[in-house]
């Protein structure tokens, strides 16, 4: 009996160690493709240029998903479609439904299979979840990433890309943890918020992450984006990205741009700075040399 128990314990320890090793090496973001996650507001030229470049430039084939918006705003000649066309993208297809049964059909997903990029418009993130979670459409979004494509989105189209759906309640966006909590999970173990400085939301993820230390909180301000590939993201755009990690809740708010320590309840990254998602560490540029010539 003792031998059986010891054998069981050995198998359990080995299995746990194996799971930990897999979690330590598996990418948090897309293994092959990329994400462009925008915090809302004006999407500037730098962000659009990066998205289009990752989608293949003039040869890009982009799916535009306006599902987060109101039905009155879901129109073929949307300003985002026109913007992409102005940037030289010849193939832009609007894809929209409210019905998950439709989203689960071969006919509906056919355009995604030819696409190199997907763009999610802003609005209410739960509408995207209701339409596409668990459907063939979600499967084809992941397939697009697996063949090296890019998925981008702004505001609600940013939050839906995380594994946890922050502000996903049907009653309104002031409810942080609501009746929809599952995102499309393009980036794992992450909750994403947007408009954080513009709308004075910078403390909202802080209170949430205290209750869910397994999740990394990423708050993105307007006109700002993170570009994600595998375990790293880069900040581009005009403002800041907040990092909320329960492992760093001792101390005060700090900005790693001016302080190499990440020991605040949250801290900011700015344009050009990067972040290691797997190890939850900012990747900061090396400080300039202070050496002077000898007299």
C-alpha atoms as a PDB file:
ATOM      1  CA  UNK A   1       0.000   0.000   0.000  1.00  0.00           C
ATOM      2  CA  UNK A   2       2.825   2.378   0.913  1.00  0.00           C
ATOM      3  CA  UNK A   3       4.500   1.695  -2.427  1.00  0.00           C
ATOM      4  CA  UNK A   4       1.253   2.520  -4.282  1.00  0.00           C
ATOM      5  CA  UNK A   5       0.887   5.791  -2.386  1.00  0.00           C
ATOM      6  CA  UNK A   6       4.518   6.729  -3.104  1.00  0.00           C
ATOM      7  CA  UNK A   7       4.042   5.885  -6.766  1.00  0.00           C
ATOM      8  CA  UNK A   8       0.891   8.036  -6.887  1.00  0.00           C
ATOM      9  CA  UNK A   9       2.713  10.958  -5.271  1.00  0.00           C
ATOM     10  CA  UNK A  10       5.611  10.618  -7.708  1.00  0.00           C
ATOM     11  CA  UNK A  11       3.240  10.645 -10.692  1.00  0.00           C
ATOM     12  CA  UNK A  12       1.383  13.665  -9.258  1.00  0.00           C
ATOM     13  CA  UNK A  13       4.593  15.631  -8.710  1.00  0.00           C
ATOM     14  CA  UNK A  14       5.856  14.783 -12.193  1.00  0.00           C
ATOM     15  CA  UNK A  15       2.538  15.791 -13.776  1.00  0.00           C
ATOM     16  CA  UNK A  16       2.433  19.058 -11.851  1.00  0.00           C
ATOM     17  CA  UNK A  17       6.024  19.840 -12.817  1.00  0.00           C
ATOM     18  CA  UNK A  18       5.232  19.054 -16.444  1.00  0.00           C
ATOM     19  CA  UNK A  19       2.186  21.345 -16.428  1.00  0.00           C
ATOM     20  CA  UNK A  20       4.252  24.124 -14.845  1.00  0.00           C
ATOM     21  CA  UNK A  21       6.982  23.676 -17.459  1.00  0.00           C
ATOM     22  CA  UNK A  22       4.407  23.887 -20.257  1.00  0.00           C
ATOM     23  CA  UNK A  23       2.878  27.035 -18.764  1.00  0.00           C
ATOM     24  CA  UNK A  24       6.352  28.550 -18.433  1.00  0.00           C
ATOM     25  CA  UNK A  25       7.165  28.051 -22.104  1.00  0.00           C
ATOM     26  CA  UNK A  26       3.861  28.405 -23.930  1.00  0.00           C
ATOM     27  CA  UNK A  27       3.224  31.814 -25.502  1.00  0.00           C
ATOM     28  CA  UNK A  28       0.763  34.159 -23.856  1.00  0.00           C
ATOM     29  CA  UNK A  29       0.033  35.881 -27.153  1.00  0.00           C
ATOM     30  CA  UNK A  30      -0.261  34.417 -30.673  1.00  0.00           C
ATOM     31  CA  UNK A  31       2.503  31.978 -31.563  1.00  0.00           C
ATOM     32  CA  UNK A  32       2.628  33.024 -35.223  1.00  0.00           C
ATOM     33  CA  UNK A  33       0.316  35.965 -35.782  1.00  0.00           C
ATOM     34  CA  UNK A  34       0.018  39.353 -34.111  1.00  0.00           C
ATOM     35  CA  UNK A  35      -2.504  41.485 -32.249  1.00  0.00           C
ATOM     36  CA  UNK A  36      -2.946  45.262 -32.448  1.00  0.00           C
ATOM     37  CA  UNK A  37      -4.962  46.250 -29.381  1.00  0.00           C
ATOM     38  CA  UNK A  38      -6.051  49.906 -29.291  1.00  0.00           C
ATOM     39  CA  UNK A  39      -7.385  51.804 -26.267  1.00  0.00           C
ATOM     40  CA  UNK A  40     -10.078  53.698 -28.198  1.00  0.00           C
ATOM     41  CA  UNK A  41     -10.297  57.310 -29.289  1.00  0.00           C
ATOM     42  CA  UNK A  42      -8.583  58.476 -32.447  1.00  0.00           C
ATOM     43  CA  UNK A  43      -6.619  55.665 -34.074  1.00  0.00           C
ATOM     44  CA  UNK A  44      -3.556  57.502 -35.318  1.00  0.00           C
ATOM     45  CA  UNK A  45      -1.564  56.968 -38.537  1.00  0.00           C
ATOM     46  CA  UNK A  46       1.188  55.002 -36.753  1.00  0.00           C
ATOM     47  CA  UNK A  47      -1.309  52.441 -35.442  1.00  0.00           C
ATOM     48  CA  UNK A  48      -3.137  52.061 -38.746  1.00  0.00           C
ATOM     49  CA  UNK A  49       0.158  51.723 -40.596  1.00  0.00           C
ATOM     50  CA  UNK A  50       1.347  48.927 -38.287  1.00  0.00           C
ATOM     51  CA  UNK A  51      -1.932  47.036 -38.592  1.00  0.00           C
ATOM     52  CA  UNK A  52      -1.991  47.257 -42.382  1.00  0.00           C
ATOM     53  CA  UNK A  53       1.683  46.306 -42.606  1.00  0.00           C
ATOM     54  CA  UNK A  54       1.122  43.191 -40.479  1.00  0.00           C
ATOM     55  CA  UNK A  55      -1.894  42.297 -42.637  1.00  0.00           C
ATOM     56  CA  UNK A  56       0.187  42.397 -45.819  1.00  0.00           C
ATOM     57  CA  UNK A  57       0.104  46.023 -46.968  1.00  0.00           C
ATOM     58  CA  UNK A  58      -1.642  46.694 -50.276  1.00  0.00           C
ATOM     59  CA  UNK A  59      -2.134  42.936 -50.680  1.00  0.00           C
ATOM     60  CA  UNK A  60      -3.970  42.656 -47.359  1.00  0.00           C
ATOM     61  CA  UNK A  61      -7.366  40.993 -47.228  1.00  0.00           C
ATOM     62  CA  UNK A  62      -9.120  42.433 -44.175  1.00  0.00           C
ATOM     63  CA  UNK A  63     -12.335  41.447 -42.421  1.00  0.00           C
ATOM     64  CA  UNK A  64     -14.105  44.347 -40.693  1.00  0.00           C
ATOM     65  CA  UNK A  65     -16.306  43.312 -37.741  1.00  0.00           C
ATOM     66  CA  UNK A  66     -18.692  46.079 -36.528  1.00  0.00           C
ATOM     67  CA  UNK A  67     -20.692  43.740 -34.252  1.00  0.00           C
ATOM     68  CA  UNK A  68     -19.913  45.644 -31.019  1.00  0.00           C
ATOM     69  CA  UNK A  69     -21.798  48.668 -32.343  1.00  0.00           C
ATOM     70  CA  UNK A  70     -25.508  49.447 -32.454  1.00  0.00           C
ATOM     71  CA  UNK A  71     -27.485  48.071 -35.367  1.00  0.00           C
ATOM     72  CA  UNK A  72     -27.877  51.611 -36.710  1.00  0.00           C
ATOM     73  CA  UNK A  73     -24.076  51.918 -37.061  1.00  0.00           C
ATOM     74  CA  UNK A  74     -23.562  48.595 -38.819  1.00  0.00           C
ATOM     75  CA  UNK A  75     -23.423  49.865 -42.378  1.00  0.00           C
ATOM     76  CA  UNK A  76     -21.385  48.804 -45.365  1.00  0.00           C
ATOM     77  CA  UNK A  77     -19.714  52.158 -45.968  1.00  0.00           C
ATOM     78  CA  UNK A  78     -18.365  52.595 -42.451  1.00  0.00           C
ATOM     79  CA  UNK A  79     -15.628  55.160 -41.880  1.00  0.00           C
ATOM     80  CA  UNK A  80     -13.214  52.398 -40.843  1.00  0.00           C
ATOM     81  CA  UNK A  81     -13.715  50.608 -44.146  1.00  0.00           C
ATOM     82  CA  UNK A  82     -13.080  53.872 -45.981  1.00  0.00           C
ATOM     83  CA  UNK A  83      -9.970  54.493 -43.886  1.00  0.00           C
ATOM     84  CA  UNK A  84      -8.524  51.099 -44.788  1.00  0.00           C
ATOM     85  CA  UNK A  85      -9.264  51.727 -48.445  1.00  0.00           C
ATOM     86  CA  UNK A  86      -7.526  55.109 -48.228  1.00  0.00           C
ATOM     87  CA  UNK A  87      -4.481  53.281 -46.864  1.00  0.00           C
ATOM     88  CA  UNK A  88      -4.353  51.205 -50.039  1.00  0.00           C
ATOM     89  CA  UNK A  89      -6.138  48.061 -48.879  1.00  0.00           C
ATOM     90  CA  UNK A  90      -8.148  46.828 -51.855  1.00  0.00           C
ATOM     91  CA  UNK A  91      -9.916  43.914 -50.182  1.00  0.00           C
ATOM     92  CA  UNK A  92     -12.072  44.866 -47.177  1.00  0.00           C
ATOM     93  CA  UNK A  93     -15.095  42.709 -46.277  1.00  0.00           C
ATOM     94  CA  UNK A  94     -17.669  43.599 -43.612  1.00  0.00           C
ATOM     95  CA  UNK A  95     -18.680  40.552 -41.570  1.00  0.00           C
ATOM     96  CA  UNK A  96     -21.506  40.826 -39.065  1.00  0.00           C
ATOM     97  CA  UNK A  97     -24.243  38.845 -37.382  1.00  0.00           C
ATOM     98  CA  UNK A  98     -26.032  38.832 -34.038  1.00  0.00           C
ATOM     99  CA  UNK A  99     -26.916  35.145 -34.373  1.00  0.00           C
ATOM    100  CA  UNK A 100     -24.328  32.565 -33.165  1.00  0.00           C
ATOM    101  CA  UNK A 101     -26.082  29.950 -35.317  1.00  0.00           C
ATOM    102  CA  UNK A 102     -25.194  32.003 -38.389  1.00  0.00           C
ATOM    103  CA  UNK A 103     -21.648  32.513 -37.050  1.00  0.00           C
ATOM    104  CA  UNK A 104     -21.367  28.742 -36.829  1.00  0.00           C
ATOM    105  CA  UNK A 105     -21.964  28.144 -40.543  1.00  0.00           C
ATOM    106  CA  UNK A 106     -19.456  27.401 -43.286  1.00  0.00           C
ATOM    107  CA  UNK A 107     -20.903  30.116 -45.500  1.00  0.00           C
ATOM    108  CA  UNK A 108     -20.409  32.839 -42.900  1.00  0.00           C
ATOM    109  CA  UNK A 109     -16.756  31.981 -42.161  1.00  0.00           C
ATOM    110  CA  UNK A 110     -15.685  31.554 -45.786  1.00  0.00           C
ATOM    111  CA  UNK A 111     -14.303  35.139 -46.081  1.00  0.00           C
ATOM    112  CA  UNK A 112     -12.191  34.692 -42.917  1.00  0.00           C
ATOM    113  CA  UNK A 113     -10.401  31.725 -44.468  1.00  0.00           C
ATOM    114  CA  UNK A 114      -9.066  33.990 -47.222  1.00  0.00           C
ATOM    115  CA  UNK A 115      -8.239  36.904 -44.924  1.00  0.00           C
ATOM    116  CA  UNK A 116      -4.900  38.160 -43.604  1.00  0.00           C
ATOM    117  CA  UNK A 117      -6.338  40.519 -40.996  1.00  0.00           C
ATOM    118  CA  UNK A 118      -9.419  41.183 -38.853  1.00  0.00           C
ATOM    119  CA  UNK A 119     -10.473  44.502 -37.289  1.00  0.00           C
ATOM    120  CA  UNK A 120     -13.012  44.712 -34.448  1.00  0.00           C
ATOM    121  CA  UNK A 121     -14.828  48.044 -34.097  1.00  0.00           C
ATOM    122  CA  UNK A 122     -15.705  49.597 -30.726  1.00  0.00           C
ATOM    123  CA  UNK A 123     -19.048  49.570 -28.936  1.00  0.00           C
ATOM    124  CA  UNK A 124     -20.074  47.003 -26.326  1.00  0.00           C
ATOM    125  CA  UNK A 125     -17.826  43.957 -26.016  1.00  0.00           C
ATOM    126  CA  UNK A 126     -20.573  41.580 -24.846  1.00  0.00           C
ATOM    127  CA  UNK A 127     -22.219  41.873 -28.258  1.00  0.00           C
ATOM    128  CA  UNK A 128     -19.129  40.335 -29.865  1.00  0.00           C
ATOM    129  CA  UNK A 129     -19.107  37.588 -27.237  1.00  0.00           C
ATOM    130  CA  UNK A 130     -22.792  36.771 -27.778  1.00  0.00           C
ATOM    131  CA  UNK A 131     -22.332  36.461 -31.524  1.00  0.00           C
ATOM    132  CA  UNK A 132     -19.039  34.591 -31.856  1.00  0.00           C
ATOM    133  CA  UNK A 133     -17.925  32.777 -28.698  1.00  0.00           C
ATOM    134  CA  UNK A 134     -17.780  29.024 -29.185  1.00  0.00           C
ATOM    135  CA  UNK A 135     -18.610  29.194 -32.894  1.00  0.00           C
ATOM    136  CA  UNK A 136     -16.858  28.262 -36.103  1.00  0.00           C
ATOM    137  CA  UNK A 137     -16.156  31.982 -36.521  1.00  0.00           C
ATOM    138  CA  UNK A 138     -14.030  32.038 -33.360  1.00  0.00           C
ATOM    139  CA  UNK A 139     -12.199  28.956 -34.613  1.00  0.00           C
ATOM    140  CA  UNK A 140     -11.418  30.685 -37.907  1.00  0.00           C
ATOM    141  CA  UNK A 141     -10.190  33.824 -36.129  1.00  0.00           C
ATOM    142  CA  UNK A 142      -7.655  31.608 -34.355  1.00  0.00           C
ATOM    143  CA  UNK A 143      -6.780  29.875 -37.614  1.00  0.00           C
ATOM    144  CA  UNK A 144      -6.022  33.276 -39.147  1.00  0.00           C
ATOM    145  CA  UNK A 145      -3.567  33.993 -36.324  1.00  0.00           C
ATOM    146  CA  UNK A 146      -2.015  30.538 -36.694  1.00  0.00           C
ATOM    147  CA  UNK A 147      -1.186  31.225 -40.340  1.00  0.00           C
ATOM    148  CA  UNK A 148       0.527  34.500 -39.411  1.00  0.00           C
ATOM    149  CA  UNK A 149      -2.302  37.001 -39.763  1.00  0.00           C
ATOM    150  CA  UNK A 150      -3.155  39.947 -37.542  1.00  0.00           C
ATOM    151  CA  UNK A 151      -6.207  40.757 -35.435  1.00  0.00           C
ATOM    152  CA  UNK A 152      -6.752  44.346 -34.350  1.00  0.00           C
ATOM    153  CA  UNK A 153      -9.467  46.255 -32.593  1.00  0.00           C
ATOM    154  CA  UNK A 154     -10.274  49.391 -30.665  1.00  0.00           C
ATOM    155  CA  UNK A 155     -12.138  50.008 -27.388  1.00  0.00           C
ATOM    156  CA  UNK A 156     -14.590  47.086 -27.094  1.00  0.00           C
ATOM    157  CA  UNK A 157     -12.609  45.521 -29.935  1.00  0.00           C
ATOM    158  CA  UNK A 158      -9.576  45.659 -27.642  1.00  0.00           C
ATOM    159  CA  UNK A 159     -11.133  44.174 -24.496  1.00  0.00           C
ATOM    160  CA  UNK A 160     -12.697  41.248 -26.376  1.00  0.00           C
ATOM    161  CA  UNK A 161      -9.212  40.026 -27.332  1.00  0.00           C
ATOM    162  CA  UNK A 162      -8.296  39.144 -23.744  1.00  0.00           C
ATOM    163  CA  UNK A 163      -9.210  35.935 -21.969  1.00  0.00           C
ATOM    164  CA  UNK A 164     -11.275  37.778 -19.350  1.00  0.00           C
ATOM    165  CA  UNK A 165     -13.997  40.159 -20.528  1.00  0.00           C
ATOM    166  CA  UNK A 166     -13.710  43.296 -18.387  1.00  0.00           C
ATOM    167  CA  UNK A 167     -16.719  45.694 -18.404  1.00  0.00           C
ATOM    168  CA  UNK A 168     -18.749  42.985 -20.126  1.00  0.00           C
ATOM    169  CA  UNK A 169     -22.097  43.553 -18.424  1.00  0.00           C
ATOM    170  CA  UNK A 170     -25.178  44.171 -20.541  1.00  0.00           C
ATOM    171  CA  UNK A 171     -26.401  46.833 -18.085  1.00  0.00           C
ATOM    172  CA  UNK A 172     -23.530  49.200 -18.854  1.00  0.00           C
ATOM    173  CA  UNK A 173     -19.777  49.734 -18.974  1.00  0.00           C
ATOM    174  CA  UNK A 174     -19.557  50.958 -15.373  1.00  0.00           C
ATOM    175  CA  UNK A 175     -20.096  47.375 -14.175  1.00  0.00           C
ATOM    176  CA  UNK A 176     -16.571  45.950 -14.110  1.00  0.00           C
ATOM    177  CA  UNK A 177     -17.457  42.291 -13.481  1.00  0.00           C
ATOM    178  CA  UNK A 178     -20.781  41.526 -15.086  1.00  0.00           C
ATOM    179  CA  UNK A 179     -22.866  38.912 -16.844  1.00  0.00           C
ATOM    180  CA  UNK A 180     -20.258  38.352 -19.594  1.00  0.00           C
ATOM    181  CA  UNK A 181     -16.728  37.470 -18.463  1.00  0.00           C
ATOM    182  CA  UNK A 182     -15.320  35.310 -21.278  1.00  0.00           C
ATOM    183  CA  UNK A 183     -13.280  36.995 -24.017  1.00  0.00           C
ATOM    184  CA  UNK A 184     -12.085  35.541 -27.318  1.00  0.00           C
ATOM    185  CA  UNK A 185      -8.781  34.668 -25.603  1.00  0.00           C
ATOM    186  CA  UNK A 186      -6.365  35.695 -28.349  1.00  0.00           C
ATOM    187  CA  UNK A 187      -4.062  36.736 -25.497  1.00  0.00           C
ATOM    188  CA  UNK A 188      -4.165  34.392 -22.498  1.00  0.00           C
ATOM    189  CA  UNK A 189      -4.499  35.104 -18.756  1.00  0.00           C
ATOM    190  CA  UNK A 190      -5.141  38.787 -19.409  1.00  0.00           C
ATOM    191  CA  UNK A 191      -7.916  41.315 -18.709  1.00  0.00           C
ATOM    192  CA  UNK A 192      -7.853  44.421 -20.921  1.00  0.00           C
ATOM    193  CA  UNK A 193      -9.369  47.839 -20.229  1.00  0.00           C
ATOM    194  CA  UNK A 194      -9.384  50.915 -22.492  1.00  0.00           C
ATOM    195  CA  UNK A 195      -9.738  54.728 -22.371  1.00  0.00           C
ATOM    196  CA  UNK A 196      -7.996  54.489 -18.979  1.00  0.00           C
ATOM    197  CA  UNK A 197      -6.629  58.028 -18.610  1.00  0.00           C
ATOM    198  CA  UNK A 198      -9.087  59.840 -20.842  1.00  0.00           C
ATOM    199  CA  UNK A 199     -12.018  58.492 -18.799  1.00  0.00           C
ATOM    200  CA  UNK A 200     -10.237  58.392 -15.417  1.00  0.00           C
ATOM    201  CA  UNK A 201     -10.359  54.588 -15.267  1.00  0.00           C
ATOM    202  CA  UNK A 202      -6.773  54.011 -14.183  1.00  0.00           C
ATOM    203  CA  UNK A 203      -7.731  52.528 -10.791  1.00  0.00           C
ATOM    204  CA  UNK A 204     -10.484  50.194 -12.004  1.00  0.00           C
ATOM    205  CA  UNK A 205      -8.248  47.303 -13.035  1.00  0.00           C
ATOM    206  CA  UNK A 206      -6.311  47.680  -9.788  1.00  0.00           C
ATOM    207  CA  UNK A 207      -9.295  46.743  -7.615  1.00  0.00           C
ATOM    208  CA  UNK A 208     -10.194  43.874  -9.965  1.00  0.00           C
ATOM    209  CA  UNK A 209      -6.722  42.308 -10.177  1.00  0.00           C
ATOM    210  CA  UNK A 210      -6.571  42.152  -6.376  1.00  0.00           C
ATOM    211  CA  UNK A 211      -9.381  39.599  -6.595  1.00  0.00           C
ATOM    212  CA  UNK A 212      -7.877  37.773  -9.616  1.00  0.00           C
ATOM    213  CA  UNK A 213      -4.084  37.651  -9.135  1.00  0.00           C
ATOM    214  CA  UNK A 214      -3.861  34.947 -11.805  1.00  0.00           C
ATOM    215  CA  UNK A 215      -4.683  37.552 -14.430  1.00  0.00           C
ATOM    216  CA  UNK A 216      -2.469  40.326 -15.747  1.00  0.00           C
ATOM    217  CA  UNK A 217      -4.324  43.615 -16.157  1.00  0.00           C
ATOM    218  CA  UNK A 218      -3.479  45.769 -19.168  1.00  0.00           C
ATOM    219  CA  UNK A 219      -5.060  49.229 -19.353  1.00  0.00           C
ATOM    220  CA  UNK A 220      -4.625  51.117 -22.627  1.00  0.00           C
ATOM    221  CA  UNK A 221      -5.284  54.813 -23.038  1.00  0.00           C
ATOM    222  CA  UNK A 222      -6.855  56.408 -26.099  1.00  0.00           C
ATOM    223  CA  UNK A 223      -4.844  56.759 -29.338  1.00  0.00           C
ATOM    224  CA  UNK A 224      -2.445  54.128 -27.981  1.00  0.00           C
ATOM    225  CA  UNK A 225      -1.942  50.455 -28.792  1.00  0.00           C
ATOM    226  CA  UNK A 226       0.017  47.390 -27.862  1.00  0.00           C
ATOM    227  CA  UNK A 227       1.339  45.179 -30.652  1.00  0.00           C
ATOM    228  CA  UNK A 228       1.490  41.597 -29.370  1.00  0.00           C
ATOM    229  CA  UNK A 229       3.454  38.650 -30.723  1.00  0.00           C
ATOM    230  CA  UNK A 230       4.113  35.535 -28.670  1.00  0.00           C
ATOM    231  CA  UNK A 231       5.287  36.652 -25.208  1.00  0.00           C
ATOM    232  CA  UNK A 232       6.111  40.282 -25.960  1.00  0.00           C
ATOM    233  CA  UNK A 233       4.222  43.441 -26.695  1.00  0.00           C
ATOM    234  CA  UNK A 234       5.395  46.893 -27.797  1.00  0.00           C
ATOM    235  CA  UNK A 235       3.625  50.172 -27.037  1.00  0.00           C
ATOM    236  CA  UNK A 236       2.884  52.481 -29.967  1.00  0.00           C
ATOM    237  CA  UNK A 237       0.816  55.649 -30.236  1.00  0.00           C
ATOM    238  CA  UNK A 238       0.344  58.849 -28.275  1.00  0.00           C
ATOM    239  CA  UNK A 239      -0.240  57.977 -24.618  1.00  0.00           C
ATOM    240  CA  UNK A 240       0.378  55.274 -21.992  1.00  0.00           C
ATOM    241  CA  UNK A 241      -0.353  51.645 -21.137  1.00  0.00           C
ATOM    242  CA  UNK A 242      -0.914  50.617 -17.520  1.00  0.00           C
ATOM    243  CA  UNK A 243       0.361  47.297 -16.146  1.00  0.00           C
ATOM    244  CA  UNK A 244      -1.550  45.750 -13.231  1.00  0.00           C
ATOM    245  CA  UNK A 245       0.147  42.750 -11.622  1.00  0.00           C
ATOM    246  CA  UNK A 246      -0.872  41.457  -8.182  1.00  0.00           C
ATOM    247  CA  UNK A 247       2.718  40.366  -7.587  1.00  0.00           C
ATOM    248  CA  UNK A 248       3.772  44.031  -7.523  1.00  0.00           C
ATOM    249  CA  UNK A 249       1.226  45.531  -5.176  1.00  0.00           C
ATOM    250  CA  UNK A 250       3.713  46.703  -2.529  1.00  0.00           C
ATOM    251  CA  UNK A 251       4.655  50.346  -2.870  1.00  0.00           C
ATOM    252  CA  UNK A 252       3.325  53.277  -4.856  1.00  0.00           C
ATOM    253  CA  UNK A 253       2.549  53.912  -8.498  1.00  0.00           C
ATOM    254  CA  UNK A 254       5.717  54.052 -10.555  1.00  0.00           C
ATOM    255  CA  UNK A 255       6.669  54.616 -14.135  1.00  0.00           C
ATOM    256  CA  UNK A 256       9.442  52.270 -15.325  1.00  0.00           C
ATOM    257  CA  UNK A 257      10.450  54.890 -17.865  1.00  0.00           C
ATOM    258  CA  UNK A 258      11.999  56.821 -14.980  1.00  0.00           C
ATOM    259  CA  UNK A 259      12.443  54.051 -12.417  1.00  0.00           C
ATOM    260  CA  UNK A 260      13.714  50.557 -13.173  1.00  0.00           C
ATOM    261  CA  UNK A 261      11.675  48.982 -10.357  1.00  0.00           C
ATOM    262  CA  UNK A 262       8.248  47.491 -11.100  1.00  0.00           C
ATOM    263  CA  UNK A 263       7.143  47.535  -7.460  1.00  0.00           C
ATOM    264  CA  UNK A 264       4.022  49.662  -7.600  1.00  0.00           C
ATOM    265  CA  UNK A 265       0.369  48.612  -7.633  1.00  0.00           C
ATOM    266  CA  UNK A 266       0.458  49.572 -11.276  1.00  0.00           C
ATOM    267  CA  UNK A 267       2.853  51.392 -13.574  1.00  0.00           C
ATOM    268  CA  UNK A 268       2.931  52.863 -17.045  1.00  0.00           C
ATOM    269  CA  UNK A 269       4.757  52.093 -20.258  1.00  0.00           C
ATOM    270  CA  UNK A 270       5.072  54.601 -23.087  1.00  0.00           C
ATOM    271  CA  UNK A 271       5.709  54.492 -26.816  1.00  0.00           C
ATOM    272  CA  UNK A 272       8.636  52.272 -27.787  1.00  0.00           C
ATOM    273  CA  UNK A 273       8.742  50.376 -24.515  1.00  0.00           C
ATOM    274  CA  UNK A 274       8.100  46.649 -24.404  1.00  0.00           C
ATOM    275  CA  UNK A 275       6.749  44.096 -21.974  1.00  0.00           C
ATOM    276  CA  UNK A 276       7.513  40.410 -21.342  1.00  0.00           C
ATOM    277  CA  UNK A 277       4.078  38.819 -20.891  1.00  0.00           C
ATOM    278  CA  UNK A 278       5.371  35.445 -19.744  1.00  0.00           C
ATOM    279  CA  UNK A 279       7.561  36.780 -16.956  1.00  0.00           C
ATOM    280  CA  UNK A 280       5.452  39.912 -16.377  1.00  0.00           C
ATOM    281  CA  UNK A 281       8.380  42.283 -16.643  1.00  0.00           C
ATOM    282  CA  UNK A 282       8.899  45.556 -18.478  1.00  0.00           C
ATOM    283  CA  UNK A 283      11.639  45.453 -21.109  1.00  0.00           C
ATOM    284  CA  UNK A 284      13.223  48.859 -20.733  1.00  0.00           C
ATOM    285  CA  UNK A 285      15.899  50.462 -22.917  1.00  0.00           C
ATOM    286  CA  UNK A 286      19.355  50.538 -21.413  1.00  0.00           C
ATOM    287  CA  UNK A 287      20.209  53.923 -19.898  1.00  0.00           C
ATOM    288  CA  UNK A 288      22.586  56.103 -21.869  1.00  0.00           C
ATOM    289  CA  UNK A 289      26.215  55.934 -20.772  1.00  0.00           C
ATOM    290  CA  UNK A 290      27.252  58.628 -18.281  1.00  0.00           C
ATOM    291  CA  UNK A 291      30.971  58.236 -18.917  1.00  0.00           C
ATOM    292  CA  UNK A 292      32.854  61.399 -19.772  1.00  0.00           C
ATOM    293  CA  UNK A 293      36.209  61.837 -21.403  1.00  0.00           C
ATOM    294  CA  UNK A 294      39.134  62.149 -18.960  1.00  0.00           C
ATOM    295  CA  UNK A 295      40.993  65.472 -18.701  1.00  0.00           C
END
